[in-house]
Structures are given as structure tokens and as C-alpha cells.
Amino acid sequence: MAEAPYAFASTLDRERDTPPEEWRERLRRIAWFVAYSDDEPAGLAAGTTWPDEVPDRRHLISMWVRPSHRGLGVAARLVDAVRDWAVDAGARELELWVADGNEAAARVYARAGFVPTGVRQPLPSNPEIGEENWILALTGTAPLDHAAPPAEKMPG
């Protein structure tokens, strides 16, 4: 979070102040995936279901890859793990948000088949930065609540 605060909905200070009980609750309701290289963490991704959301939707809510492992396919494997978890849970779509300016993440998600929906909001950790909603249809059908625009070919 210190390295790339624009990539997170929360802030490092807010997370440092999170009580241990809340961390334990988060660990229970979130599916965590860790990529290792030579017994050291190379990346992390997480998926969840919001309790008040559409039951057929899952969310990729966290993605981080160690700088030394970027560009080596770690991010793609982590996205695949979250996608497989969502499919196993019976989801029809996987949703995420991409902060403006995070072009590397946008390329990873576009290659994985996510498409921007055009829905935008301020980044919760810094309202001066925007973020856009992206969706991946998991069953070969259109996403649940909206028709996603066609994916644009992204460089890379």
C-alpha cells in the first residue's frame, strides 16, 4: 500500500488502525491466493462476495505482485486463481475496479477477458483519482446487470 496507494481502496494508515478482530473476520470472508517463487511470496490476490450484492457475482478486490516478479505471468496466474474460485462458487461474473493511471493492471485484466463497463467512481482511498468498473462474464453469457461494451485492444 505504501508502494502503490492508488491501487487500493483503503489507505495504509486506515489498515494499520484496523483492530485484530476485524482482520480475523476479513480472513474468514475473503478467499486469499498467494503466488510463491523460491519459497518467498511473489504475489497476492483476493476475492470476495459482498453480502448485500447479487449472489451470482464475485469480486476481485486485491492484487499485488512483487516488483521483481512483474511481467513474469504471476498476475495472470493470480487472476486465474480468483476466476476459478468464482466459477467453483457458481458465479456468473467476476468484477473489479481499476484506478486511473494503473495501465499495467488494465493490461493484465484485459488479457484475462475483463471489459470496462463505463461505470466510474472516485477511488475511496483518494477521491481525486477515479476508478472504473470492469467485468468478466464467467459462463459465456452477458454480465448480470448490464451489457459490457466491447473490449478495446490494449497495447502490450
Protein backbone atom coordinates (compact mmCIF):
# COMPACT_ATOMS: atom_id res chain seq x y z
CA MET A 1 0.00 0.00 0.00
CA ALA A 2 2.93 2.31 0.61
CA GLU A 3 4.38 1.47 -2.81
CA ALA A 4 1.21 1.95 -4.89
CA PRO A 5 -1.53 3.64 -2.84
CA TYR A 6 -3.59 4.32 -5.99
CA ALA A 7 -4.06 0.58 -6.41
CA PHE A 8 -6.05 0.14 -3.21
CA ALA A 9 -9.45 1.30 -1.99
CA SER A 10 -8.10 1.77 1.52
CA THR A 11 -5.09 3.59 2.92
CA LEU A 12 -2.07 2.27 4.79
CA ASP A 13 -2.93 4.38 7.85
CA ARG A 14 -6.52 3.07 7.90
CA GLU A 15 -5.35 -0.53 7.64
CA ARG A 16 -2.74 -0.08 10.38
CA ASP A 17 -5.56 1.08 12.67
CA THR A 18 -7.74 -1.94 11.91
CA PRO A 19 -8.33 -3.95 15.09
CA PRO A 20 -7.21 -7.61 15.14
CA GLU A 21 -10.85 -8.84 15.39
CA GLU A 22 -11.67 -7.14 12.08
CA TRP A 23 -8.61 -8.69 10.42
CA ARG A 24 -9.76 -12.13 11.61
CA GLU A 25 -13.25 -11.50 10.19
CA ARG A 26 -11.75 -10.41 6.87
CA LEU A 27 -9.71 -13.60 6.72
CA ARG A 28 -12.89 -15.65 7.16
CA ARG A 29 -14.93 -13.95 4.42
CA ILE A 30 -12.22 -13.41 1.81
CA ALA A 31 -10.59 -16.03 -0.44
CA TRP A 32 -6.84 -15.35 -0.48
CA PHE A 33 -4.41 -16.59 -3.14
CA VAL A 34 -0.63 -16.32 -2.79
CA ALA A 35 1.93 -16.99 -5.52
CA TYR A 36 5.35 -18.16 -4.38
CA SER A 37 8.75 -18.16 -6.01
CA ASP A 38 11.62 -19.91 -4.25
CA ASP A 39 9.53 -20.12 -1.06
CA GLU A 40 9.00 -16.35 -0.97
CA PRO A 41 5.72 -14.56 -1.70
CA ALA A 42 5.72 -13.26 -5.27
CA GLY A 43 2.13 -12.00 -5.35
CA LEU A 44 -1.24 -11.89 -3.64
CA ALA A 45 -4.84 -11.69 -4.83
CA ALA A 46 -8.17 -11.87 -3.04
CA GLY A 47 -11.77 -12.48 -3.95
CA THR A 48 -15.00 -11.98 -2.04
CA THR A 49 -18.76 -11.81 -2.20
CA TRP A 50 -20.39 -8.74 -0.76
CA PRO A 51 -23.25 -9.96 1.47
CA ASP A 52 -25.77 -7.45 0.09
CA GLU A 53 -24.80 -7.97 -3.55
CA VAL A 54 -26.05 -10.09 -6.39
CA PRO A 55 -25.42 -13.75 -5.43
CA ASP A 56 -24.05 -14.65 -8.88
CA ARG A 57 -21.27 -12.05 -8.71
CA ARG A 58 -17.83 -12.28 -7.10
CA HIS A 59 -15.25 -9.53 -6.74
CA LEU A 60 -11.50 -9.48 -7.27
CA ILE A 61 -10.67 -7.00 -4.52
CA SER A 62 -6.92 -7.12 -4.16
CA MET A 63 -3.98 -7.75 -6.44
CA TRP A 64 -0.30 -7.20 -5.76
CA VAL A 65 2.81 -8.62 -7.41
CA ARG A 66 6.32 -8.15 -6.04
CA PRO A 67 8.11 -5.68 -8.36
CA SER A 68 10.84 -8.24 -9.14
CA HIS A 69 8.16 -10.66 -10.41
CA ARG A 70 6.11 -8.29 -12.55
CA GLY A 71 5.92 -9.16 -16.22
CA LEU A 72 6.54 -12.86 -15.50
CA GLY A 73 2.93 -14.08 -15.58
CA VAL A 74 2.36 -14.03 -11.81
CA ALA A 75 -0.54 -11.59 -12.09
CA ALA A 76 -2.21 -13.70 -14.79
CA ARG A 77 -1.95 -16.83 -12.62
CA LEU A 78 -3.43 -14.98 -9.65
CA VAL A 79 -6.33 -13.69 -11.77
CA ASP A 80 -6.89 -17.26 -12.97
CA ALA A 81 -7.00 -18.49 -9.35
CA VAL A 82 -9.63 -15.91 -8.38
CA ARG A 83 -11.60 -16.65 -11.55
CA ASP A 84 -11.54 -20.41 -10.82
CA TRP A 85 -12.68 -19.76 -7.23
CA ALA A 86 -15.58 -17.64 -8.54
CA VAL A 87 -16.59 -20.31 -11.08
CA ASP A 88 -16.46 -23.02 -8.39
CA ALA A 89 -18.74 -20.82 -6.24
CA GLY A 90 -21.30 -20.71 -9.08
CA ALA A 91 -20.74 -17.07 -10.03
CA ARG A 92 -21.72 -15.82 -13.46
CA GLU A 93 -19.38 -12.84 -13.39
CA LEU A 94 -16.26 -11.50 -11.71
CA GLU A 95 -15.98 -7.77 -11.04
CA LEU A 96 -13.09 -5.46 -10.19
CA TRP A 97 -12.15 -1.78 -10.19
CA VAL A 98 -9.09 -0.28 -11.91
CA ALA A 99 -7.68 3.05 -10.77
CA ASP A 100 -6.99 5.68 -13.42
CA GLY A 101 -3.36 5.53 -14.47
CA ASN A 102 -2.85 1.88 -13.48
CA GLU A 103 -2.20 0.83 -17.06
CA ALA A 104 -0.25 -2.30 -16.11
CA ALA A 105 -3.26 -3.66 -14.20
CA ALA A 106 -5.62 -2.70 -17.02
CA ARG A 107 -3.47 -4.70 -19.49
CA VAL A 108 -3.48 -7.77 -17.22
CA TYR A 109 -7.25 -7.63 -16.78
CA ALA A 110 -7.92 -7.01 -20.49
CA ARG A 111 -5.78 -10.03 -21.41
CA ALA A 112 -7.81 -12.09 -18.91
CA GLY A 113 -11.03 -11.09 -20.70
CA PHE A 114 -12.34 -8.35 -18.42
CA VAL A 115 -14.05 -5.43 -20.13
CA PRO A 116 -14.64 -1.92 -18.78
CA THR A 117 -18.30 -1.21 -18.06
CA GLY A 118 -18.04 2.58 -18.22
CA VAL A 119 -19.16 2.82 -14.58
CA ARG A 120 -16.82 5.16 -12.72
CA GLN A 121 -16.39 6.38 -9.17
CA PRO A 122 -13.79 8.21 -7.08
CA LEU A 123 -11.10 5.95 -5.63
CA PRO A 124 -12.14 5.52 -1.98
CA SER A 125 -8.57 5.98 -0.73
CA ASN A 126 -8.09 9.18 -2.76
CA PRO A 127 -11.21 10.81 -4.23
CA GLU A 128 -9.03 12.96 -6.51
CA ILE A 129 -8.32 9.80 -8.53
CA GLY A 130 -11.06 7.99 -10.41
CA GLU A 131 -11.53 4.28 -10.95
CA GLU A 132 -13.51 2.24 -13.47
CA ASN A 133 -15.50 -0.92 -13.04
CA TRP A 134 -14.54 -3.97 -15.17
CA ILE A 135 -16.47 -7.23 -15.58
CA LEU A 136 -15.60 -10.73 -16.72
CA ALA A 137 -18.52 -12.95 -17.80
CA LEU A 138 -17.78 -16.43 -16.44
CA THR A 139 -20.42 -18.53 -18.17
CA GLY A 140 -20.26 -17.22 -21.71
CA THR A 141 -23.35 -15.09 -21.06
CA ALA A 142 -23.66 -11.33 -20.73
CA PRO A 143 -22.92 -9.90 -17.28
CA LEU A 144 -25.88 -9.84 -14.91
CA ASP A 145 -26.91 -6.21 -14.61
CA HIS A 146 -25.51 -4.50 -17.68
CA ALA A 147 -24.20 -5.17 -21.14
CA ALA A 148 -20.48 -4.52 -21.14
CA PRO A 149 -19.07 -2.55 -24.08
CA PRO A 150 -16.71 -4.44 -26.36
CA ALA A 151 -13.16 -4.68 -25.11
CA GLU A 152 -10.68 -2.37 -26.76
CA LYS A 153 -7.42 -3.86 -27.81
CA MET A 154 -4.83 -2.63 -25.35
CA PRO A 155 -1.12 -2.33 -26.08
CA GLY A 156 1.13 -4.95 -24.58
